[in-house]
Amino acid sequence: MRAERLIAVLMLLKGRERVTAAEIARQLEVSERTVFRDIEALSLSGVPVYAERGRHGGFALLPGYRTDLTGLTLDEAIALLAGSGRIDSAAYAGAMRKVTAAIPETHRARVNDAAQRVLVRPEGFVRPAPTIAALPLVQRAVLDGRRLRVHYRRNESQQAQWRVLDPIGLIVAGEVWYLVALRDGAERIYRLSRMADVELLDEPAQRPAEVDLEEIWQRHRAQFRAGFAILELTVECARAGVETLATHLPLRVDRPVGDDRVRCILQTVGREMALQRLWILCGIPELELEVIEPTEFAERIAERSAAVTRRHQRRPEGIRAPLG
């Protein structure tokens, strides 16, 4: 449905000198917010559409721009289909057949691949996309299936480092561009605004032939949000260590367990951060800390403790490790 609607919007813009969002919404039976998102998708795909403000304003194509769905070039077809996102419906497949029928058979596989390599997500408000110096080369690497060497920093406090990536696809959410890529075989997401320099390598990208960028986006976003979710941890400690424990993590409630033990519920953020905090607390002798729940954390701490013990066990007297 999305691809057919984008083509319909393009045809409305082509046939009229100027058309308002309200008029497009009325003709296509969608909301004006959907129209703004579709206009942004066309613009990001390279279609020269612009907005004119005022009483008689609306959307228009730059003078001289012409397109004909019966005679699209390969680059035009790739740009339009890549902007529309994923192939996930009969409507999309029908729209793609209309477009790809105009280009040679030898190019159709490339057009189909490009259609699944760029995802436009309707995140936040529709705004003009900022200029990103890395975008042209990254986009070319994604569509051509070539490796990239990027000078990338994970955040503002870290220095940029060189990384060799196998690009999978591009996602634009709101006004932020992301590259989905493999690094040493592991799937990662990179913000293009954090790429200080980009080199296009003359090597084919080692990447899967099929990709679902929507699934990748939703999975990574869920993982990111989980990293900031508040977790509750149930532990037991020595009664004398409760005050010390409360200085390390917020303590919501505690109750006695026997004469000299107390069960407490602690709160923290992020699973990995919680595990690291518990590991440190277990090493404070006066706490005598025992993790009760989540049981997964108790098991991981027990495994780590056993590994540390094995590494530091003393050898029996009289047995020495061989030298060399």
C-alpha atoms as a PDB file:
ATOM      1  CA  MET A   1       0.000   0.000   0.000  1.00  0.00           C
ATOM      2  CA  ARG A   2       2.823   2.414   0.852  1.00  0.00           C
ATOM      3  CA  ALA A   3       4.561   2.044  -2.517  1.00  0.00           C
ATOM      4  CA  GLU A   4       1.336   2.571  -4.491  1.00  0.00           C
ATOM      5  CA  ARG A   5       0.548   5.654  -2.386  1.00  0.00           C
ATOM      6  CA  LEU A   6       4.007   7.141  -2.997  1.00  0.00           C
ATOM      7  CA  ILE A   7       3.537   6.678  -6.721  1.00  0.00           C
ATOM      8  CA  ALA A   8       0.076   8.279  -6.462  1.00  0.00           C
ATOM      9  CA  VAL A   9       1.532  11.281  -4.595  1.00  0.00           C
ATOM     10  CA  LEU A  10       4.238  11.628  -7.250  1.00  0.00           C
ATOM     11  CA  MET A  11       1.630  11.549 -10.019  1.00  0.00           C
ATOM     12  CA  LEU A  12      -0.463  14.214  -8.250  1.00  0.00           C
ATOM     13  CA  LEU A  13       2.592  16.449  -7.947  1.00  0.00           C
ATOM     14  CA  LYS A  14       3.478  15.864 -11.588  1.00  0.00           C
ATOM     15  CA  GLY A  15      -0.005  16.689 -12.842  1.00  0.00           C
ATOM     16  CA  ARG A  16      -0.501  19.889 -10.840  1.00  0.00           C
ATOM     17  CA  GLU A  17       1.539  23.064 -10.494  1.00  0.00           C
ATOM     18  CA  ARG A  18       0.942  23.016  -6.762  1.00  0.00           C
ATOM     19  CA  VAL A  19      -1.104  20.789  -4.429  1.00  0.00           C
ATOM     20  CA  THR A  20      -1.833  21.103  -0.711  1.00  0.00           C
ATOM     21  CA  ALA A  21      -1.416  18.391   1.889  1.00  0.00           C
ATOM     22  CA  ALA A  22      -5.147  18.574   2.623  1.00  0.00           C
ATOM     23  CA  GLU A  23      -5.977  17.956  -1.038  1.00  0.00           C
ATOM     24  CA  ILE A  24      -3.581  15.004  -1.297  1.00  0.00           C
ATOM     25  CA  ALA A  25      -5.005  13.571   1.930  1.00  0.00           C
ATOM     26  CA  ARG A  26      -8.560  13.919   0.625  1.00  0.00           C
ATOM     27  CA  GLN A  27      -7.831  12.264  -2.720  1.00  0.00           C
ATOM     28  CA  LEU A  28      -5.855   9.373  -1.214  1.00  0.00           C
ATOM     29  CA  GLU A  29      -8.122   9.023   1.837  1.00  0.00           C
ATOM     30  CA  VAL A  30      -5.294   9.312   4.365  1.00  0.00           C
ATOM     31  CA  SER A  31      -4.385  11.771   7.113  1.00  0.00           C
ATOM     32  CA  GLU A  32      -2.358  14.922   6.456  1.00  0.00           C
ATOM     33  CA  ARG A  33       0.337  13.547   8.780  1.00  0.00           C
ATOM     34  CA  THR A  34       0.641  10.528   6.464  1.00  0.00           C
ATOM     35  CA  VAL A  35       0.982  12.906   3.504  1.00  0.00           C
ATOM     36  CA  PHE A  36       3.840  14.756   5.219  1.00  0.00           C
ATOM     37  CA  ARG A  37       5.625  11.431   5.832  1.00  0.00           C
ATOM     38  CA  ASP A  38       5.161  10.387   2.213  1.00  0.00           C
ATOM     39  CA  ILE A  39       6.479  13.745   0.968  1.00  0.00           C
ATOM     40  CA  GLU A  40       9.519  13.287   3.206  1.00  0.00           C
ATOM     41  CA  ALA A  41      10.068   9.749   1.869  1.00  0.00           C
ATOM     42  CA  LEU A  42       9.993  11.033  -1.721  1.00  0.00           C
ATOM     43  CA  SER A  43      12.383  13.860  -0.863  1.00  0.00           C
ATOM     44  CA  LEU A  44      14.821  11.491   0.868  1.00  0.00           C
ATOM     45  CA  SER A  45      14.673   9.254  -2.211  1.00  0.00           C
ATOM     46  CA  GLY A  46      15.874  12.098  -4.435  1.00  0.00           C
ATOM     47  CA  VAL A  47      12.596  13.418  -5.851  1.00  0.00           C
ATOM     48  CA  PRO A  48      12.940  17.268  -5.928  1.00  0.00           C
ATOM     49  CA  VAL A  49       9.738  18.144  -4.059  1.00  0.00           C
ATOM     50  CA  TYR A  50       9.541  21.371  -2.069  1.00  0.00           C
ATOM     51  CA  ALA A  51       6.981  23.225   0.051  1.00  0.00           C
ATOM     52  CA  GLU A  52       5.656  26.727  -0.576  1.00  0.00           C
ATOM     53  CA  ARG A  53       4.118  28.512   2.411  1.00  0.00           C
ATOM     54  CA  GLY A  54       1.303  31.013   2.464  1.00  0.00           C
ATOM     55  CA  ARG A  55      -2.363  31.175   1.555  1.00  0.00           C
ATOM     56  CA  HIS A  56      -1.825  29.702  -1.900  1.00  0.00           C
ATOM     57  CA  GLY A  57       1.035  27.423  -0.871  1.00  0.00           C
ATOM     58  CA  GLY A  58       1.439  23.671  -1.100  1.00  0.00           C
ATOM     59  CA  PHE A  59       3.836  21.068  -2.448  1.00  0.00           C
ATOM     60  CA  ALA A  60       5.392  21.207  -5.907  1.00  0.00           C
ATOM     61  CA  LEU A  61       8.122  19.616  -7.996  1.00  0.00           C
ATOM     62  CA  LEU A  62      11.087  21.676  -9.104  1.00  0.00           C
ATOM     63  CA  PRO A  63      10.511  23.213 -12.571  1.00  0.00           C
ATOM     64  CA  GLY A  64      11.847  20.967 -15.313  1.00  0.00           C
ATOM     65  CA  TYR A  65      11.563  17.741 -13.329  1.00  0.00           C
ATOM     66  CA  ARG A  66       9.716  15.083 -15.257  1.00  0.00           C
ATOM     67  CA  THR A  67       9.175  11.379 -14.661  1.00  0.00           C
ATOM     68  CA  ASP A  68       7.170   8.745 -16.479  1.00  0.00           C
ATOM     69  CA  LEU A  69       6.422   5.417 -14.842  1.00  0.00           C
ATOM     70  CA  THR A  70       6.612   3.762 -18.258  1.00  0.00           C
ATOM     71  CA  GLY A  71      10.186   4.960 -18.764  1.00  0.00           C
ATOM     72  CA  LEU A  72      12.009   5.195 -15.442  1.00  0.00           C
ATOM     73  CA  THR A  73      15.778   4.862 -15.507  1.00  0.00           C
ATOM     74  CA  LEU A  74      17.451   2.312 -13.250  1.00  0.00           C
ATOM     75  CA  ASP A  75      18.602   5.007 -10.814  1.00  0.00           C
ATOM     76  CA  GLU A  76      15.130   6.573 -10.643  1.00  0.00           C
ATOM     77  CA  ALA A  77      13.482   3.217  -9.967  1.00  0.00           C
ATOM     78  CA  ILE A  78      16.001   2.403  -7.241  1.00  0.00           C
ATOM     79  CA  ALA A  79      15.532   5.799  -5.604  1.00  0.00           C
ATOM     80  CA  LEU A  80      11.747   5.559  -5.576  1.00  0.00           C
ATOM     81  CA  LEU A  81      11.564   1.966  -4.372  1.00  0.00           C
ATOM     82  CA  ALA A  82      14.303   2.360  -1.779  1.00  0.00           C
ATOM     83  CA  GLY A  83      12.421   5.293  -0.309  1.00  0.00           C
ATOM     84  CA  SER A  84       9.249   3.234   0.054  1.00  0.00           C
ATOM     85  CA  GLY A  85      10.760   0.689   2.416  1.00  0.00           C
ATOM     86  CA  ARG A  86      10.030  -3.037   2.532  1.00  0.00           C
ATOM     87  CA  ILE A  87       8.254  -5.596   0.389  1.00  0.00           C
ATOM     88  CA  ASP A  88       5.567  -6.976   2.706  1.00  0.00           C
ATOM     89  CA  SER A  89       2.227  -6.918   0.901  1.00  0.00           C
ATOM     90  CA  ALA A  90       0.471  -7.781  -2.341  1.00  0.00           C
ATOM     91  CA  ALA A  91      -0.129  -4.053  -2.929  1.00  0.00           C
ATOM     92  CA  TYR A  92       3.590  -3.326  -2.715  1.00  0.00           C
ATOM     93  CA  ALA A  93       4.399  -6.186  -5.067  1.00  0.00           C
ATOM     94  CA  GLY A  94       1.839  -4.877  -7.560  1.00  0.00           C
ATOM     95  CA  ALA A  95       3.260  -1.373  -7.395  1.00  0.00           C
ATOM     96  CA  MET A  96       6.782  -2.686  -7.883  1.00  0.00           C
ATOM     97  CA  ARG A  97       5.719  -4.616 -10.983  1.00  0.00           C
ATOM     98  CA  LYS A  98       4.401  -1.382 -12.505  1.00  0.00           C
ATOM     99  CA  VAL A  99       7.719   0.360 -11.950  1.00  0.00           C
ATOM    100  CA  THR A 100      10.132  -2.461 -12.778  1.00  0.00           C
ATOM    101  CA  ALA A 101       8.313  -3.277 -16.023  1.00  0.00           C
ATOM    102  CA  ALA A 102       9.932  -0.156 -17.501  1.00  0.00           C
ATOM    103  CA  ILE A 103      13.540  -1.237 -16.949  1.00  0.00           C
ATOM    104  CA  PRO A 104      15.584  -4.061 -18.508  1.00  0.00           C
ATOM    105  CA  GLU A 105      15.265  -7.564 -17.068  1.00  0.00           C
ATOM    106  CA  THR A 106      18.960  -7.569 -16.160  1.00  0.00           C
ATOM    107  CA  HIS A 107      18.422  -4.659 -13.740  1.00  0.00           C
ATOM    108  CA  ARG A 108      15.308  -5.901 -11.950  1.00  0.00           C
ATOM    109  CA  ALA A 109      17.145  -7.961  -9.324  1.00  0.00           C
ATOM    110  CA  ARG A 110      19.106  -4.864  -8.329  1.00  0.00           C
ATOM    111  CA  VAL A 111      15.928  -2.792  -8.033  1.00  0.00           C
ATOM    112  CA  ASN A 112      14.283  -5.432  -5.836  1.00  0.00           C
ATOM    113  CA  ASP A 113      17.357  -5.579  -3.626  1.00  0.00           C
ATOM    114  CA  ALA A 114      17.455  -1.780  -3.289  1.00  0.00           C
ATOM    115  CA  ALA A 115      13.814  -1.753  -2.206  1.00  0.00           C
ATOM    116  CA  GLN A 116      14.639  -3.718   0.930  1.00  0.00           C
ATOM    117  CA  ARG A 117      17.883  -1.883   1.734  1.00  0.00           C
ATOM    118  CA  VAL A 118      16.382   1.483   2.828  1.00  0.00           C
ATOM    119  CA  LEU A 119      13.665   1.940   5.443  1.00  0.00           C
ATOM    120  CA  VAL A 120      11.956   5.271   6.177  1.00  0.00           C
ATOM    121  CA  ARG A 121      10.506   5.199   9.689  1.00  0.00           C
ATOM    122  CA  PRO A 122       7.824   7.766  10.682  1.00  0.00           C
ATOM    123  CA  GLU A 123       9.523   8.697  13.969  1.00  0.00           C
ATOM    124  CA  GLY A 124       8.840  12.066  15.576  1.00  0.00           C
ATOM    125  CA  PHE A 125       8.021  15.169  13.544  1.00  0.00           C
ATOM    126  CA  VAL A 126       8.563  15.650   9.834  1.00  0.00           C
ATOM    127  CA  ARG A 127      11.536  17.984   9.453  1.00  0.00           C
ATOM    128  CA  PRO A 128      14.065  18.759   6.735  1.00  0.00           C
ATOM    129  CA  ALA A 129      16.836  16.162   6.852  1.00  0.00           C
ATOM    130  CA  PRO A 130      20.167  17.659   7.955  1.00  0.00           C
ATOM    131  CA  THR A 131      23.124  17.534   5.589  1.00  0.00           C
ATOM    132  CA  ILE A 132      25.225  14.448   6.348  1.00  0.00           C
ATOM    133  CA  ALA A 133      28.578  14.324   4.601  1.00  0.00           C
ATOM    134  CA  ALA A 134      28.855  10.533   4.896  1.00  0.00           C
ATOM    135  CA  LEU A 135      25.450   9.790   3.342  1.00  0.00           C
ATOM    136  CA  PRO A 136      26.329   9.664  -0.407  1.00  0.00           C
ATOM    137  CA  LEU A 137      29.161   7.140   0.000  1.00  0.00           C
ATOM    138  CA  VAL A 138      27.265   5.068   2.569  1.00  0.00           C
ATOM    139  CA  GLN A 139      24.187   5.001   0.342  1.00  0.00           C
ATOM    140  CA  ARG A 140      26.296   3.923  -2.616  1.00  0.00           C
ATOM    141  CA  ALA A 141      27.921   1.148  -0.558  1.00  0.00           C
ATOM    142  CA  VAL A 142      24.515  -0.139   0.574  1.00  0.00           C
ATOM    143  CA  LEU A 143      23.008  -0.188  -2.926  1.00  0.00           C
ATOM    144  CA  ASP A 144      26.161  -1.517  -4.646  1.00  0.00           C
ATOM    145  CA  GLY A 145      26.939  -4.091  -1.947  1.00  0.00           C
ATOM    146  CA  ARG A 146      30.476  -2.872  -1.200  1.00  0.00           C
ATOM    147  CA  ARG A 147      32.461  -2.730   2.020  1.00  0.00           C
ATOM    148  CA  LEU A 148      33.068   0.507   3.910  1.00  0.00           C
ATOM    149  CA  ARG A 149      35.879   1.774   6.084  1.00  0.00           C
ATOM    150  CA  VAL A 150      34.534   4.395   8.480  1.00  0.00           C
ATOM    151  CA  HIS A 151      36.091   6.640  11.109  1.00  0.00           C
ATOM    152  CA  TYR A 152      33.441   6.324  13.817  1.00  0.00           C
ATOM    153  CA  ARG A 153      32.947   7.484  17.406  1.00  0.00           C
ATOM    154  CA  ARG A 154      30.404   5.763  19.643  1.00  0.00           C
ATOM    155  CA  ASN A 155      29.626   8.929  21.610  1.00  0.00           C
ATOM    156  CA  GLU A 156      30.848  12.485  22.123  1.00  0.00           C
ATOM    157  CA  SER A 157      33.309  11.521  24.878  1.00  0.00           C
ATOM    158  CA  GLN A 158      35.190   8.894  22.828  1.00  0.00           C
ATOM    159  CA  GLN A 159      37.729   9.323  20.067  1.00  0.00           C
ATOM    160  CA  ALA A 160      36.822   8.081  16.602  1.00  0.00           C
ATOM    161  CA  GLN A 161      38.215   4.710  15.526  1.00  0.00           C
ATOM    162  CA  TRP A 162      38.481   3.065  12.118  1.00  0.00           C
ATOM    163  CA  ARG A 163      36.106   0.173  11.446  1.00  0.00           C
ATOM    164  CA  VAL A 164      35.579  -1.995   8.363  1.00  0.00           C
ATOM    165  CA  LEU A 165      31.871  -2.686   7.842  1.00  0.00           C
ATOM    166  CA  ASP A 166      29.696  -4.839   5.621  1.00  0.00           C
ATOM    167  CA  PRO A 167      26.660  -2.570   4.993  1.00  0.00           C
ATOM    168  CA  ILE A 168      23.231  -4.224   5.127  1.00  0.00           C
ATOM    169  CA  GLY A 169      20.817  -1.290   4.851  1.00  0.00           C
ATOM    170  CA  LEU A 170      19.895   2.277   5.759  1.00  0.00           C
ATOM    171  CA  ILE A 171      17.197   3.398   8.189  1.00  0.00           C
ATOM    172  CA  VAL A 172      16.048   6.993   8.525  1.00  0.00           C
ATOM    173  CA  ALA A 173      13.952   7.656  11.644  1.00  0.00           C
ATOM    174  CA  GLY A 174      12.699  11.221  11.929  1.00  0.00           C
ATOM    175  CA  GLU A 175      15.769  13.217  10.912  1.00  0.00           C
ATOM    176  CA  VAL A 176      18.395  10.658  12.001  1.00  0.00           C
ATOM    177  CA  TRP A 177      20.104   8.296   9.543  1.00  0.00           C
ATOM    178  CA  TYR A 178      21.368   4.891  10.697  1.00  0.00           C
ATOM    179  CA  LEU A 179      23.499   2.293   8.930  1.00  0.00           C
ATOM    180  CA  VAL A 180      22.803  -1.367   9.675  1.00  0.00           C
ATOM    181  CA  ALA A 181      26.035  -3.259   9.083  1.00  0.00           C
ATOM    182  CA  LEU A 182      28.020  -6.331  10.024  1.00  0.00           C
ATOM    183  CA  ARG A 183      31.306  -5.866  11.840  1.00  0.00           C
ATOM    184  CA  ASP A 184      33.316  -9.092  12.193  1.00  0.00           C
ATOM    185  CA  GLY A 185      30.069 -10.942  11.515  1.00  0.00           C
ATOM    186  CA  ALA A 186      28.088  -9.190  14.288  1.00  0.00           C
ATOM    187  CA  GLU A 187      25.076  -7.035  13.420  1.00  0.00           C
ATOM    188  CA  ARG A 188      25.312  -3.427  14.625  1.00  0.00           C
ATOM    189  CA  ILE A 189      23.657  -0.046  14.025  1.00  0.00           C
ATOM    190  CA  TYR A 190      25.702   3.123  13.410  1.00  0.00           C
ATOM    191  CA  ARG A 191      24.574   6.773  13.327  1.00  0.00           C
ATOM    192  CA  LEU A 192      25.796   8.455  10.162  1.00  0.00           C
ATOM    193  CA  SER A 193      26.234  11.768  11.997  1.00  0.00           C
ATOM    194  CA  ARG A 194      29.027  10.140  14.049  1.00  0.00           C
ATOM    195  CA  MET A 195      31.052   9.133  10.995  1.00  0.00           C
ATOM    196  CA  ALA A 196      33.984  11.520  10.695  1.00  0.00           C
ATOM    197  CA  ASP A 197      35.258  10.002   7.447  1.00  0.00           C
ATOM    198  CA  VAL A 198      34.148   7.264   5.043  1.00  0.00           C
ATOM    199  CA  GLU A 199      36.069   5.212   2.475  1.00  0.00           C
ATOM    200  CA  LEU A 200      34.363   3.017  -0.127  1.00  0.00           C
ATOM    201  CA  LEU A 201      36.404  -0.181  -0.515  1.00  0.00           C
ATOM    202  CA  ASP A 202      36.714  -2.179  -3.704  1.00  0.00           C
ATOM    203  CA  GLU A 203      35.533  -5.328  -1.924  1.00  0.00           C
ATOM    204  CA  PRO A 204      32.102  -7.002  -2.005  1.00  0.00           C
ATOM    205  CA  ALA A 205      30.130  -6.775   1.237  1.00  0.00           C
ATOM    206  CA  GLN A 206      29.647 -10.077   3.047  1.00  0.00           C
ATOM    207  CA  ARG A 207      25.957  -9.747   3.915  1.00  0.00           C
ATOM    208  CA  PRO A 208      22.716 -11.752   3.704  1.00  0.00           C
ATOM    209  CA  ALA A 209      20.867 -11.709   0.404  1.00  0.00           C
ATOM    210  CA  GLU A 210      17.530 -10.993   2.122  1.00  0.00           C
ATOM    211  CA  VAL A 211      16.979  -8.438   4.874  1.00  0.00           C
ATOM    212  CA  ASP A 212      14.029  -7.201   6.953  1.00  0.00           C
ATOM    213  CA  LEU A 213      15.002  -3.722   8.142  1.00  0.00           C
ATOM    214  CA  GLU A 214      11.734  -3.225  10.017  1.00  0.00           C
ATOM    215  CA  GLU A 215      12.420  -6.328  12.132  1.00  0.00           C
ATOM    216  CA  ILE A 216      16.009  -5.215  12.743  1.00  0.00           C
ATOM    217  CA  TRP A 217      14.859  -1.724  13.775  1.00  0.00           C
ATOM    218  CA  GLN A 218      12.224  -2.998  16.202  1.00  0.00           C
ATOM    219  CA  ARG A 219      14.634  -5.533  17.735  1.00  0.00           C
ATOM    220  CA  HIS A 220      17.445  -3.050  18.321  1.00  0.00           C
ATOM    221  CA  ARG A 221      15.054  -0.413  19.663  1.00  0.00           C
ATOM    222  CA  ALA A 222      13.624  -2.945  22.139  1.00  0.00           C
ATOM    223  CA  GLN A 223      17.142  -3.869  23.267  1.00  0.00           C
ATOM    224  CA  PHE A 224      18.067  -0.202  23.678  1.00  0.00           C
ATOM    225  CA  ARG A 225      14.979   0.540  25.762  1.00  0.00           C
ATOM    226  CA  ALA A 226      15.512  -2.574  27.882  1.00  0.00           C
ATOM    227  CA  GLY A 227      18.909  -1.169  28.803  1.00  0.00           C
ATOM    228  CA  PHE A 228      17.132   1.703  30.573  1.00  0.00           C
ATOM    229  CA  ALA A 229      14.292  -0.286  32.159  1.00  0.00           C
ATOM    230  CA  ILE A 230      14.152  -0.305  35.969  1.00  0.00           C
ATOM    231  CA  LEU A 231      14.906  -3.754  37.380  1.00  0.00           C
ATOM    232  CA  GLU A 232      14.092  -5.020  40.852  1.00  0.00           C
ATOM    233  CA  LEU A 233      16.615  -7.369  42.460  1.00  0.00           C
ATOM    234  CA  THR A 234      15.896  -9.516  45.522  1.00  0.00           C
ATOM    235  CA  VAL A 235      18.915 -10.207  47.721  1.00  0.00           C
ATOM    236  CA  GLU A 236      19.707 -11.333  51.242  1.00  0.00           C
ATOM    237  CA  CYS A 237      22.478  -9.824  53.327  1.00  0.00           C
ATOM    238  CA  ALA A 238      23.751  -9.563  56.881  1.00  0.00           C
ATOM    239  CA  ARG A 239      21.597  -7.312  59.055  1.00  0.00           C
ATOM    240  CA  ALA A 240      24.649  -5.194  59.846  1.00  0.00           C
ATOM    241  CA  GLY A 241      25.248  -4.585  56.121  1.00  0.00           C
ATOM    242  CA  VAL A 242      21.876  -3.076  55.183  1.00  0.00           C
ATOM    243  CA  GLU A 243      23.042   0.531  55.530  1.00  0.00           C
ATOM    244  CA  THR A 244      26.140  -0.166  53.462  1.00  0.00           C
ATOM    245  CA  LEU A 245      24.020  -1.892  50.807  1.00  0.00           C
ATOM    246  CA  ALA A 246      21.685   1.123  50.589  1.00  0.00           C
ATOM    247  CA  THR A 247      24.633   3.395  49.747  1.00  0.00           C
ATOM    248  CA  HIS A 248      25.294   1.379  46.573  1.00  0.00           C
ATOM    249  CA  LEU A 249      21.788   0.849  45.166  1.00  0.00           C
ATOM    250  CA  PRO A 250      18.315   2.246  45.939  1.00  0.00           C
ATOM    251  CA  LEU A 251      16.693  -0.042  48.513  1.00  0.00           C
ATOM    252  CA  ARG A 252      12.905  -0.175  48.254  1.00  0.00           C
ATOM    253  CA  VAL A 253      12.003  -2.530  51.112  1.00  0.00           C
ATOM    254  CA  ASP A 254      13.639  -4.911  53.550  1.00  0.00           C
ATOM    255  CA  ARG A 255      12.369  -7.538  55.998  1.00  0.00           C
ATOM    256  CA  PRO A 256      14.062  -9.829  58.501  1.00  0.00           C
ATOM    257  CA  VAL A 257      14.943 -13.416  57.584  1.00  0.00           C
ATOM    258  CA  GLY A 258      16.035 -15.083  60.808  1.00  0.00           C
ATOM    259  CA  ASP A 259      17.979 -13.329  63.545  1.00  0.00           C
ATOM    260  CA  ASP A 260      20.878 -11.910  61.569  1.00  0.00           C
ATOM    261  CA  ARG A 261      19.741 -11.861  57.921  1.00  0.00           C
ATOM    262  CA  VAL A 262      17.609  -9.382  55.959  1.00  0.00           C
ATOM    263  CA  ARG A 263      15.887  -9.763  52.575  1.00  0.00           C
ATOM    264  CA  CYS A 264      15.975  -6.586  50.482  1.00  0.00           C
ATOM    265  CA  ILE A 265      14.566  -5.412  47.158  1.00  0.00           C
ATOM    266  CA  LEU A 266      17.019  -3.247  45.231  1.00  0.00           C
ATOM    267  CA  GLN A 267      16.345  -1.129  42.152  1.00  0.00           C
ATOM    268  CA  THR A 268      18.723  -0.499  39.261  1.00  0.00           C
ATOM    269  CA  VAL A 269      18.708   0.281  35.526  1.00  0.00           C
ATOM    270  CA  GLY A 270      19.862  -2.075  32.773  1.00  0.00           C
ATOM    271  CA  ARG A 271      20.570  -5.801  32.994  1.00  0.00           C
ATOM    272  CA  GLU A 272      24.307  -5.702  32.366  1.00  0.00           C
ATOM    273  CA  MET A 273      24.781  -2.773  34.733  1.00  0.00           C
ATOM    274  CA  ALA A 274      22.774  -4.637  37.387  1.00  0.00           C
ATOM    275  CA  LEU A 275      24.945  -7.732  36.991  1.00  0.00           C
ATOM    276  CA  GLN A 276      28.140  -5.714  37.370  1.00  0.00           C
ATOM    277  CA  ARG A 277      26.804  -3.968  40.501  1.00  0.00           C
ATOM    278  CA  LEU A 278      25.816  -7.286  42.087  1.00  0.00           C
ATOM    279  CA  TRP A 279      29.220  -8.777  41.313  1.00  0.00           C
ATOM    280  CA  ILE A 280      30.931  -5.896  43.110  1.00  0.00           C
ATOM    281  CA  LEU A 281      28.558  -6.129  46.097  1.00  0.00           C
ATOM    282  CA  CYS A 282      29.132  -9.875  46.416  1.00  0.00           C
ATOM    283  CA  GLY A 283      32.818  -9.097  46.897  1.00  0.00           C
ATOM    284  CA  ILE A 284      32.208  -6.956  50.029  1.00  0.00           C
ATOM    285  CA  PRO A 285      32.762  -9.402  52.940  1.00  0.00           C
ATOM    286  CA  GLU A 286      30.628  -7.637  55.577  1.00  0.00           C
ATOM    287  CA  LEU A 287      27.546  -7.729  53.353  1.00  0.00           C
ATOM    288  CA  GLU A 288      27.496 -11.531  53.026  1.00  0.00           C
ATOM    289  CA  LEU A 289      25.302 -10.914  49.985  1.00  0.00           C
ATOM    290  CA  GLU A 290      23.261 -13.646  48.296  1.00  0.00           C
ATOM    291  CA  VAL A 291      21.288 -13.015  45.110  1.00  0.00           C
ATOM    292  CA  ILE A 292      17.802 -14.547  45.218  1.00  0.00           C
ATOM    293  CA  GLU A 293      16.034 -13.153  42.137  1.00  0.00           C
ATOM    294  CA  PRO A 294      16.297 -12.968  39.185  1.00  0.00           C
ATOM    295  CA  THR A 295      17.600 -16.541  39.329  1.00  0.00           C
ATOM    296  CA  GLU A 296      19.433 -15.919  36.056  1.00  0.00           C
ATOM    297  CA  PHE A 297      21.616 -13.351  37.830  1.00  0.00           C
ATOM    298  CA  ALA A 298      22.298 -15.738  40.718  1.00  0.00           C
ATOM    299  CA  GLU A 299      23.374 -18.417  38.238  1.00  0.00           C
ATOM    300  CA  ARG A 300      25.644 -16.078  36.280  1.00  0.00           C
ATOM    301  CA  ILE A 301      27.331 -14.819  39.451  1.00  0.00           C
ATOM    302  CA  ALA A 302      27.818 -18.414  40.636  1.00  0.00           C
ATOM    303  CA  GLU A 303      29.383 -19.340  37.282  1.00  0.00           C
ATOM    304  CA  ARG A 304      31.703 -16.319  37.362  1.00  0.00           C
ATOM    305  CA  SER A 305      32.673 -17.033  40.971  1.00  0.00           C
ATOM    306  CA  ALA A 306      33.448 -20.672  40.146  1.00  0.00           C
ATOM    307  CA  ALA A 307      35.615 -19.589  37.197  1.00  0.00           C
ATOM    308  CA  VAL A 308      37.557 -17.159  39.404  1.00  0.00           C
ATOM    309  CA  THR A 309      38.026 -19.865  42.033  1.00  0.00           C
ATOM    310  CA  ARG A 310      39.363 -22.326  39.477  1.00  0.00           C
ATOM    311  CA  ARG A 311      41.893 -19.800  38.219  1.00  0.00           C
ATOM    312  CA  HIS A 312      43.162 -19.059  41.714  1.00  0.00           C
ATOM    313  CA  GLN A 313      43.194 -22.496  43.315  1.00  0.00           C
ATOM    314  CA  ARG A 314      46.543 -23.409  44.891  1.00  0.00           C
ATOM    315  CA  ARG A 315      48.323 -26.451  43.489  1.00  0.00           C
ATOM    316  CA  PRO A 316      49.088 -29.301  45.909  1.00  0.00           C
ATOM    317  CA  GLU A 317      52.395 -28.968  47.773  1.00  0.00           C
ATOM    318  CA  GLY A 318      55.351 -30.414  45.928  1.00  0.00           C
ATOM    319  CA  ILE A 319      53.834 -29.976  42.475  1.00  0.00           C
ATOM    320  CA  ARG A 320      55.254 -27.163  40.454  1.00  0.00           C
ATOM    321  CA  ALA A 321      54.178 -25.890  37.105  1.00  0.00           C
ATOM    322  CA  PRO A 322      56.713 -26.667  34.374  1.00  0.00           C
ATOM    323  CA  LEU A 323      58.858 -23.766  33.277  1.00  0.00           C
ATOM    324  CA  GLY A 324      58.875 -22.702  29.656  1.00  0.00           C
END
